[in-house]
Amino acid sequence: MSPPLVLVAHGTRNPAGTATTEALADLVREWVTDVRVAYADVCQPDVTTVLREVDGPAIVVPAFLAAGYHVLVDLPEQVRASGVPAVITPHLGADLVAVARQRLLEAGWRPGQRIVLAASGSSDAQARTEVRTAARRLGAERVGFVAACEPALGTVTTKDTAVASWFLAPGLFHDRATHCGARTVAAPLGVHPAIAQLIVLRYATVREHWVSEGLPGLGRRVSLRQ
């Protein structure tokens, strides 16, 4: 039997954010039968709790757009604390730029309008580089952060700026983006078939690698930077 897929989101106190994660999990279940949802922070159940309920090895997919502290430190620690053999796949990252572009178009972006990419921010330099890579692919002129680092979103936007959202789900960070002063602010990436398909791809790639190597390899890899 295939190992369960543990889908890990950041976590938010906003019920709409939690609903988004659950809806994404439902889409993933169209391809993978056993999908569990866990949260790295704020919400329960955490990754350790979910893994301890799993019967056998598992594959953990971080639903994160950059590899900051939660992906590189917190999530592996929670996996180790569970005592369950599990592989952590690469996070989602800049492969979702097309979804951000769609949300920007839906928000009313018009050709020629200046774009700034709104992101959560990170103390990790390479995570910030990942976000800037996503911004370039999107055609954004700048990145503005809503937490943790500079430049702050409000300092790089005007009323006429179109703000693209580099957030997976509604929550505090997207709320801050909507108050940056720009008239055009895209919705979070949200529930989208392309996101579900990428989650399945991350899972399936690791599963096939695990099957080809055998069980001893399971649990010895953590998320790779993209």
C-alpha atoms as a PDB file:
ATOM      1  CA  MET A   1       0.000   0.000   0.000  1.00  0.00           C
ATOM      2  CA  SER A   2       1.093   3.580  -0.628  1.00  0.00           C
ATOM      3  CA  PRO A   3       2.250   5.584   2.402  1.00  0.00           C
ATOM      4  CA  PRO A   4      -0.105   8.307   3.632  1.00  0.00           C
ATOM      5  CA  LEU A   5       0.444  11.889   2.516  1.00  0.00           C
ATOM      6  CA  VAL A   6       0.687  14.371   5.391  1.00  0.00           C
ATOM      7  CA  LEU A   7      -0.057  17.842   4.041  1.00  0.00           C
ATOM      8  CA  VAL A   8       1.491  20.490   6.281  1.00  0.00           C
ATOM      9  CA  ALA A   9       0.322  24.114   6.248  1.00  0.00           C
ATOM     10  CA  HIS A  10       1.614  26.986   8.346  1.00  0.00           C
ATOM     11  CA  GLY A  11      -1.584  27.370  10.350  1.00  0.00           C
ATOM     12  CA  THR A  12      -3.772  30.417  10.982  1.00  0.00           C
ATOM     13  CA  ARG A  13      -6.465  31.562  13.376  1.00  0.00           C
ATOM     14  CA  ASN A  14      -8.525  32.663  10.382  1.00  0.00           C
ATOM     15  CA  PRO A  15     -11.192  29.975   9.736  1.00  0.00           C
ATOM     16  CA  ALA A  16     -11.044  30.747   6.001  1.00  0.00           C
ATOM     17  CA  GLY A  17      -7.362  29.807   5.991  1.00  0.00           C
ATOM     18  CA  THR A  18      -8.033  26.483   7.671  1.00  0.00           C
ATOM     19  CA  ALA A  19     -10.908  25.831   5.263  1.00  0.00           C
ATOM     20  CA  THR A  20      -8.545  26.488   2.347  1.00  0.00           C
ATOM     21  CA  THR A  21      -6.094  23.871   3.600  1.00  0.00           C
ATOM     22  CA  GLU A  22      -8.864  21.314   4.107  1.00  0.00           C
ATOM     23  CA  ALA A  23     -10.273  22.018   0.630  1.00  0.00           C
ATOM     24  CA  LEU A  24      -6.828  21.539  -0.928  1.00  0.00           C
ATOM     25  CA  ALA A  25      -6.554  18.221   0.913  1.00  0.00           C
ATOM     26  CA  ASP A  26      -9.907  17.196  -0.570  1.00  0.00           C
ATOM     27  CA  LEU A  27      -8.603  17.934  -4.079  1.00  0.00           C
ATOM     28  CA  VAL A  28      -5.465  15.897  -3.405  1.00  0.00           C
ATOM     29  CA  ARG A  29      -7.651  12.977  -2.301  1.00  0.00           C
ATOM     30  CA  GLU A  30      -8.801  12.645  -5.905  1.00  0.00           C
ATOM     31  CA  TRP A  31      -5.335  11.142  -6.570  1.00  0.00           C
ATOM     32  CA  VAL A  32      -4.110   9.966  -3.147  1.00  0.00           C
ATOM     33  CA  THR A  33      -6.456   8.012  -0.908  1.00  0.00           C
ATOM     34  CA  ASP A  34      -4.899   8.648   2.490  1.00  0.00           C
ATOM     35  CA  VAL A  35      -4.297  12.377   3.036  1.00  0.00           C
ATOM     36  CA  ARG A  36      -3.853  13.842   6.527  1.00  0.00           C
ATOM     37  CA  VAL A  37      -3.649  17.562   7.394  1.00  0.00           C
ATOM     38  CA  ALA A  38      -1.193  18.951   9.952  1.00  0.00           C
ATOM     39  CA  TYR A  39       0.022  22.418  10.920  1.00  0.00           C
ATOM     40  CA  ALA A  40       3.530  23.658  11.618  1.00  0.00           C
ATOM     41  CA  ASP A  41       2.377  26.456  13.910  1.00  0.00           C
ATOM     42  CA  VAL A  42      -0.647  28.209  15.465  1.00  0.00           C
ATOM     43  CA  CYS A  43      -3.152  25.384  14.848  1.00  0.00           C
ATOM     44  CA  GLN A  44      -3.561  21.772  15.877  1.00  0.00           C
ATOM     45  CA  PRO A  45      -2.950  18.990  15.114  1.00  0.00           C
ATOM     46  CA  ASP A  46       0.771  19.484  14.674  1.00  0.00           C
ATOM     47  CA  VAL A  47       2.962  17.230  12.551  1.00  0.00           C
ATOM     48  CA  THR A  48       4.152  15.116  15.471  1.00  0.00           C
ATOM     49  CA  THR A  49       0.592  14.333  16.529  1.00  0.00           C
ATOM     50  CA  VAL A  50      -0.563  13.379  13.036  1.00  0.00           C
ATOM     51  CA  LEU A  51       2.442  11.159  12.347  1.00  0.00           C
ATOM     52  CA  ARG A  52       1.924   9.267  15.594  1.00  0.00           C
ATOM     53  CA  GLU A  53      -1.554   8.355  14.327  1.00  0.00           C
ATOM     54  CA  VAL A  54      -0.166   6.937  11.085  1.00  0.00           C
ATOM     55  CA  ASP A  55       0.209   3.186  10.731  1.00  0.00           C
ATOM     56  CA  GLY A  56       3.660   2.911   9.193  1.00  0.00           C
ATOM     57  CA  PRO A  57       5.878   5.255   7.131  1.00  0.00           C
ATOM     58  CA  ALA A  58       4.558   8.530   5.714  1.00  0.00           C
ATOM     59  CA  ILE A  59       5.416  11.209   3.166  1.00  0.00           C
ATOM     60  CA  VAL A  60       5.199  14.789   4.424  1.00  0.00           C
ATOM     61  CA  VAL A  61       4.509  17.569   1.905  1.00  0.00           C
ATOM     62  CA  PRO A  62       5.152  21.133   3.157  1.00  0.00           C
ATOM     63  CA  ALA A  63       2.569  23.496   1.654  1.00  0.00           C
ATOM     64  CA  PHE A  64       4.964  26.443   1.862  1.00  0.00           C
ATOM     65  CA  LEU A  65       6.044  28.924  -0.799  1.00  0.00           C
ATOM     66  CA  ALA A  66       9.618  29.330   0.475  1.00  0.00           C
ATOM     67  CA  ALA A  67      12.008  27.272   2.589  1.00  0.00           C
ATOM     68  CA  GLY A  68      12.319  29.353   5.739  1.00  0.00           C
ATOM     69  CA  TYR A  69      12.501  28.343   9.397  1.00  0.00           C
ATOM     70  CA  HIS A  70       9.369  26.183   9.450  1.00  0.00           C
ATOM     71  CA  VAL A  71      10.446  24.097   6.455  1.00  0.00           C
ATOM     72  CA  LEU A  72      14.129  23.771   7.300  1.00  0.00           C
ATOM     73  CA  VAL A  73      14.075  23.531  11.107  1.00  0.00           C
ATOM     74  CA  ASP A  74      10.654  23.266  12.710  1.00  0.00           C
ATOM     75  CA  LEU A  75       9.142  20.648  10.419  1.00  0.00           C
ATOM     76  CA  PRO A  76      12.100  18.206  10.537  1.00  0.00           C
ATOM     77  CA  GLU A  77      12.152  18.546  14.346  1.00  0.00           C
ATOM     78  CA  GLN A  78       8.449  17.696  14.556  1.00  0.00           C
ATOM     79  CA  VAL A  79       8.977  14.690  12.285  1.00  0.00           C
ATOM     80  CA  ARG A  80      11.884  13.428  14.402  1.00  0.00           C
ATOM     81  CA  ALA A  81       9.879  13.940  17.590  1.00  0.00           C
ATOM     82  CA  SER A  82       7.149  11.645  16.267  1.00  0.00           C
ATOM     83  CA  GLY A  83       9.469   8.657  16.057  1.00  0.00           C
ATOM     84  CA  VAL A  84       7.747   7.683  12.792  1.00  0.00           C
ATOM     85  CA  PRO A  85       9.805   7.048   9.625  1.00  0.00           C
ATOM     86  CA  ALA A  86       8.825   9.840   7.236  1.00  0.00           C
ATOM     87  CA  VAL A  87      10.238  11.634   4.237  1.00  0.00           C
ATOM     88  CA  ILE A  88       9.757  15.386   3.849  1.00  0.00           C
ATOM     89  CA  THR A  89       9.380  16.395   0.211  1.00  0.00           C
ATOM     90  CA  PRO A  90      10.516  19.713  -1.244  1.00  0.00           C
ATOM     91  CA  HIS A  91       8.108  22.566  -0.521  1.00  0.00           C
ATOM     92  CA  LEU A  92       5.881  24.064  -3.245  1.00  0.00           C
ATOM     93  CA  GLY A  93       7.821  27.229  -4.055  1.00  0.00           C
ATOM     94  CA  ALA A  94       8.018  29.194  -7.271  1.00  0.00           C
ATOM     95  CA  ASP A  95       6.324  26.454  -9.307  1.00  0.00           C
ATOM     96  CA  LEU A  96       3.064  28.208  -8.347  1.00  0.00           C
ATOM     97  CA  VAL A  97       3.799  31.560 -10.023  1.00  0.00           C
ATOM     98  CA  ALA A  98       1.177  30.824 -12.694  1.00  0.00           C
ATOM     99  CA  VAL A  99      -1.491  30.623  -9.988  1.00  0.00           C
ATOM    100  CA  ALA A 100      -0.347  33.968  -8.539  1.00  0.00           C
ATOM    101  CA  ARG A 101      -0.623  35.476 -12.026  1.00  0.00           C
ATOM    102  CA  GLN A 102      -4.172  34.146 -12.398  1.00  0.00           C
ATOM    103  CA  ARG A 103      -5.204  35.644  -9.042  1.00  0.00           C
ATOM    104  CA  LEU A 104      -3.679  38.974 -10.091  1.00  0.00           C
ATOM    105  CA  LEU A 105      -5.683  38.984 -13.320  1.00  0.00           C
ATOM    106  CA  GLU A 106      -8.825  38.123 -11.378  1.00  0.00           C
ATOM    107  CA  ALA A 107      -8.160  41.115  -9.095  1.00  0.00           C
ATOM    108  CA  GLY A 108      -8.188  43.469 -12.083  1.00  0.00           C
ATOM    109  CA  TRP A 109      -4.540  43.876 -13.076  1.00  0.00           C
ATOM    110  CA  ARG A 110      -4.171  45.549 -16.445  1.00  0.00           C
ATOM    111  CA  PRO A 111      -1.178  45.343 -18.832  1.00  0.00           C
ATOM    112  CA  GLY A 112       1.372  48.015 -18.046  1.00  0.00           C
ATOM    113  CA  GLN A 113       0.300  48.343 -14.416  1.00  0.00           C
ATOM    114  CA  ARG A 114       3.227  48.119 -11.981  1.00  0.00           C
ATOM    115  CA  ILE A 115       3.313  44.863  -9.957  1.00  0.00           C
ATOM    116  CA  VAL A 116       4.692  44.301  -6.460  1.00  0.00           C
ATOM    117  CA  LEU A 117       4.727  40.806  -4.966  1.00  0.00           C
ATOM    118  CA  ALA A 118       3.544  40.704  -1.346  1.00  0.00           C
ATOM    119  CA  ALA A 119       5.181  37.990   0.770  1.00  0.00           C
ATOM    120  CA  SER A 120       5.435  37.041   4.431  1.00  0.00           C
ATOM    121  CA  GLY A 121       9.180  37.557   4.835  1.00  0.00           C
ATOM    122  CA  SER A 122      11.836  35.390   6.470  1.00  0.00           C
ATOM    123  CA  SER A 123      15.054  35.742   8.449  1.00  0.00           C
ATOM    124  CA  ASP A 124      16.553  33.174   6.048  1.00  0.00           C
ATOM    125  CA  ALA A 125      18.414  34.873   3.189  1.00  0.00           C
ATOM    126  CA  GLN A 126      17.872  32.066   0.713  1.00  0.00           C
ATOM    127  CA  ALA A 127      14.144  32.007   1.441  1.00  0.00           C
ATOM    128  CA  ARG A 128      14.046  35.707   0.535  1.00  0.00           C
ATOM    129  CA  THR A 129      15.970  34.902  -2.644  1.00  0.00           C
ATOM    130  CA  GLU A 130      13.334  32.302  -3.533  1.00  0.00           C
ATOM    131  CA  VAL A 131      10.615  34.938  -3.176  1.00  0.00           C
ATOM    132  CA  ARG A 132      12.527  37.353  -5.408  1.00  0.00           C
ATOM    133  CA  THR A 133      12.886  34.588  -7.990  1.00  0.00           C
ATOM    134  CA  ALA A 134       9.113  34.127  -7.944  1.00  0.00           C
ATOM    135  CA  ALA A 135       8.695  37.893  -8.349  1.00  0.00           C
ATOM    136  CA  ARG A 136      10.908  37.935 -11.438  1.00  0.00           C
ATOM    137  CA  ARG A 137       8.978  35.062 -13.007  1.00  0.00           C
ATOM    138  CA  LEU A 138       5.766  36.933 -12.322  1.00  0.00           C
ATOM    139  CA  GLY A 139       7.066  40.169 -13.815  1.00  0.00           C
ATOM    140  CA  ALA A 140       6.893  42.044 -10.511  1.00  0.00           C
ATOM    141  CA  GLU A 141       9.083  45.110 -10.122  1.00  0.00           C
ATOM    142  CA  ARG A 142       9.642  44.637  -6.384  1.00  0.00           C
ATOM    143  CA  VAL A 143       8.924  42.383  -3.435  1.00  0.00           C
ATOM    144  CA  GLY A 144       7.267  43.884  -0.361  1.00  0.00           C
ATOM    145  CA  PHE A 145       7.231  41.966   2.919  1.00  0.00           C
ATOM    146  CA  VAL A 146       4.466  42.082   5.513  1.00  0.00           C
ATOM    147  CA  ALA A 147       6.621  40.717   8.363  1.00  0.00           C
ATOM    148  CA  ALA A 148      10.144  39.813   9.444  1.00  0.00           C
ATOM    149  CA  CYS A 149      12.221  41.839   6.966  1.00  0.00           C
ATOM    150  CA  GLU A 150      12.509  44.820   4.653  1.00  0.00           C
ATOM    151  CA  PRO A 151      11.332  46.412   2.470  1.00  0.00           C
ATOM    152  CA  ALA A 152       7.909  46.625   4.072  1.00  0.00           C
ATOM    153  CA  LEU A 153       5.082  46.271   1.571  1.00  0.00           C
ATOM    154  CA  GLY A 154       3.622  49.681   2.343  1.00  0.00           C
ATOM    155  CA  THR A 155       6.888  51.418   1.447  1.00  0.00           C
ATOM    156  CA  VAL A 156       7.058  50.014  -2.098  1.00  0.00           C
ATOM    157  CA  THR A 157       3.423  50.413  -3.181  1.00  0.00           C
ATOM    158  CA  THR A 158       1.190  53.268  -4.310  1.00  0.00           C
ATOM    159  CA  LYS A 159      -2.545  53.378  -4.915  1.00  0.00           C
ATOM    160  CA  ASP A 160      -1.946  52.467  -8.554  1.00  0.00           C
ATOM    161  CA  THR A 161       0.272  49.458  -7.794  1.00  0.00           C
ATOM    162  CA  ALA A 162      -1.103  45.967  -8.443  1.00  0.00           C
ATOM    163  CA  VAL A 163      -0.183  43.751  -5.496  1.00  0.00           C
ATOM    164  CA  ALA A 164       0.244  40.050  -6.232  1.00  0.00           C
ATOM    165  CA  SER A 165      -0.146  37.749  -3.225  1.00  0.00           C
ATOM    166  CA  TRP A 166       2.507  35.181  -2.369  1.00  0.00           C
ATOM    167  CA  PHE A 167       0.337  33.620   0.328  1.00  0.00           C
ATOM    168  CA  LEU A 168      -1.293  30.234   0.096  1.00  0.00           C
ATOM    169  CA  ALA A 169      -4.369  30.954   2.224  1.00  0.00           C
ATOM    170  CA  PRO A 170      -6.238  33.803   3.929  1.00  0.00           C
ATOM    171  CA  GLY A 171      -4.814  34.887   7.256  1.00  0.00           C
ATOM    172  CA  LEU A 172      -2.982  37.637   9.079  1.00  0.00           C
ATOM    173  CA  PHE A 173      -0.340  38.187   6.411  1.00  0.00           C
ATOM    174  CA  HIS A 174      -2.816  38.573   3.564  1.00  0.00           C
ATOM    175  CA  ASP A 175      -4.916  40.858   5.755  1.00  0.00           C
ATOM    176  CA  ARG A 176      -1.855  43.111   6.105  1.00  0.00           C
ATOM    177  CA  ALA A 177      -1.395  43.116   2.340  1.00  0.00           C
ATOM    178  CA  THR A 178      -4.957  44.287   1.783  1.00  0.00           C
ATOM    179  CA  HIS A 179      -4.218  47.344   3.949  1.00  0.00           C
ATOM    180  CA  CYS A 180      -1.055  48.419   2.114  1.00  0.00           C
ATOM    181  CA  GLY A 181      -2.833  51.270   0.313  1.00  0.00           C
ATOM    182  CA  ALA A 182      -3.019  49.766  -3.178  1.00  0.00           C
ATOM    183  CA  ARG A 183      -6.389  49.574  -4.939  1.00  0.00           C
ATOM    184  CA  THR A 184      -5.579  46.247  -6.595  1.00  0.00           C
ATOM    185  CA  VAL A 185      -4.623  43.426  -4.224  1.00  0.00           C
ATOM    186  CA  ALA A 186      -4.866  39.829  -5.428  1.00  0.00           C
ATOM    187  CA  ALA A 187      -6.420  37.070  -3.363  1.00  0.00           C
ATOM    188  CA  PRO A 188      -4.209  34.330  -1.877  1.00  0.00           C
ATOM    189  CA  LEU A 189      -3.409  31.408  -4.163  1.00  0.00           C
ATOM    190  CA  GLY A 190      -6.187  29.489  -2.406  1.00  0.00           C
ATOM    191  CA  VAL A 191      -7.823  26.335  -3.693  1.00  0.00           C
ATOM    192  CA  HIS A 192      -6.617  25.637  -7.225  1.00  0.00           C
ATOM    193  CA  PRO A 193      -6.184  22.406  -9.220  1.00  0.00           C
ATOM    194  CA  ALA A 194      -2.582  23.322 -10.095  1.00  0.00           C
ATOM    195  CA  ILE A 195      -1.685  23.469  -6.403  1.00  0.00           C
ATOM    196  CA  ALA A 196      -3.271  20.080  -5.721  1.00  0.00           C
ATOM    197  CA  GLN A 197      -1.464  18.605  -8.724  1.00  0.00           C
ATOM    198  CA  LEU A 198       1.883  19.965  -7.503  1.00  0.00           C
ATOM    199  CA  ILE A 199       1.289  18.459  -4.053  1.00  0.00           C
ATOM    200  CA  VAL A 200       0.565  15.105  -5.691  1.00  0.00           C
ATOM    201  CA  LEU A 201       3.692  15.425  -7.845  1.00  0.00           C
ATOM    202  CA  ARG A 202       5.863  16.107  -4.797  1.00  0.00           C
ATOM    203  CA  TYR A 203       4.346  13.060  -3.086  1.00  0.00           C
ATOM    204  CA  ALA A 204       4.560  10.755  -6.090  1.00  0.00           C
ATOM    205  CA  THR A 205       8.174  11.644  -6.882  1.00  0.00           C
ATOM    206  CA  VAL A 206       9.311  10.801  -3.356  1.00  0.00           C
ATOM    207  CA  ARG A 207       7.113   7.691  -3.224  1.00  0.00           C
ATOM    208  CA  GLU A 208       8.635   6.284  -6.412  1.00  0.00           C
ATOM    209  CA  HIS A 209      12.144   7.070  -5.187  1.00  0.00           C
ATOM    210  CA  TRP A 210      11.372   5.391  -1.870  1.00  0.00           C
ATOM    211  CA  VAL A 211       9.928   2.287  -3.547  1.00  0.00           C
ATOM    212  CA  SER A 212      12.977   1.959  -5.800  1.00  0.00           C
ATOM    213  CA  GLU A 213      15.389   2.275  -2.842  1.00  0.00           C
ATOM    214  CA  GLY A 214      13.404   0.326  -0.266  1.00  0.00           C
ATOM    215  CA  LEU A 215      12.275   1.179   3.231  1.00  0.00           C
ATOM    216  CA  PRO A 216      15.724   1.858   4.768  1.00  0.00           C
ATOM    217  CA  GLY A 217      15.911   5.168   2.879  1.00  0.00           C
ATOM    218  CA  LEU A 218      12.659   6.441   4.329  1.00  0.00           C
ATOM    219  CA  GLY A 219      13.086   9.065   6.998  1.00  0.00           C
ATOM    220  CA  ARG A 220      16.622  10.093   6.130  1.00  0.00           C
ATOM    221  CA  ARG A 221      15.791  12.957   3.740  1.00  0.00           C
ATOM    222  CA  VAL A 222      14.388  16.364   4.482  1.00  0.00           C
ATOM    223  CA  SER A 223      13.084  19.116   2.241  1.00  0.00           C
ATOM    224  CA  LEU A 224      15.544  20.253  -0.387  1.00  0.00           C
ATOM    225  CA  ARG A 225      15.889  23.881  -1.362  1.00  0.00           C
ATOM    226  CA  GLN A 226      14.702  24.592  -4.872  1.00  0.00           C
END
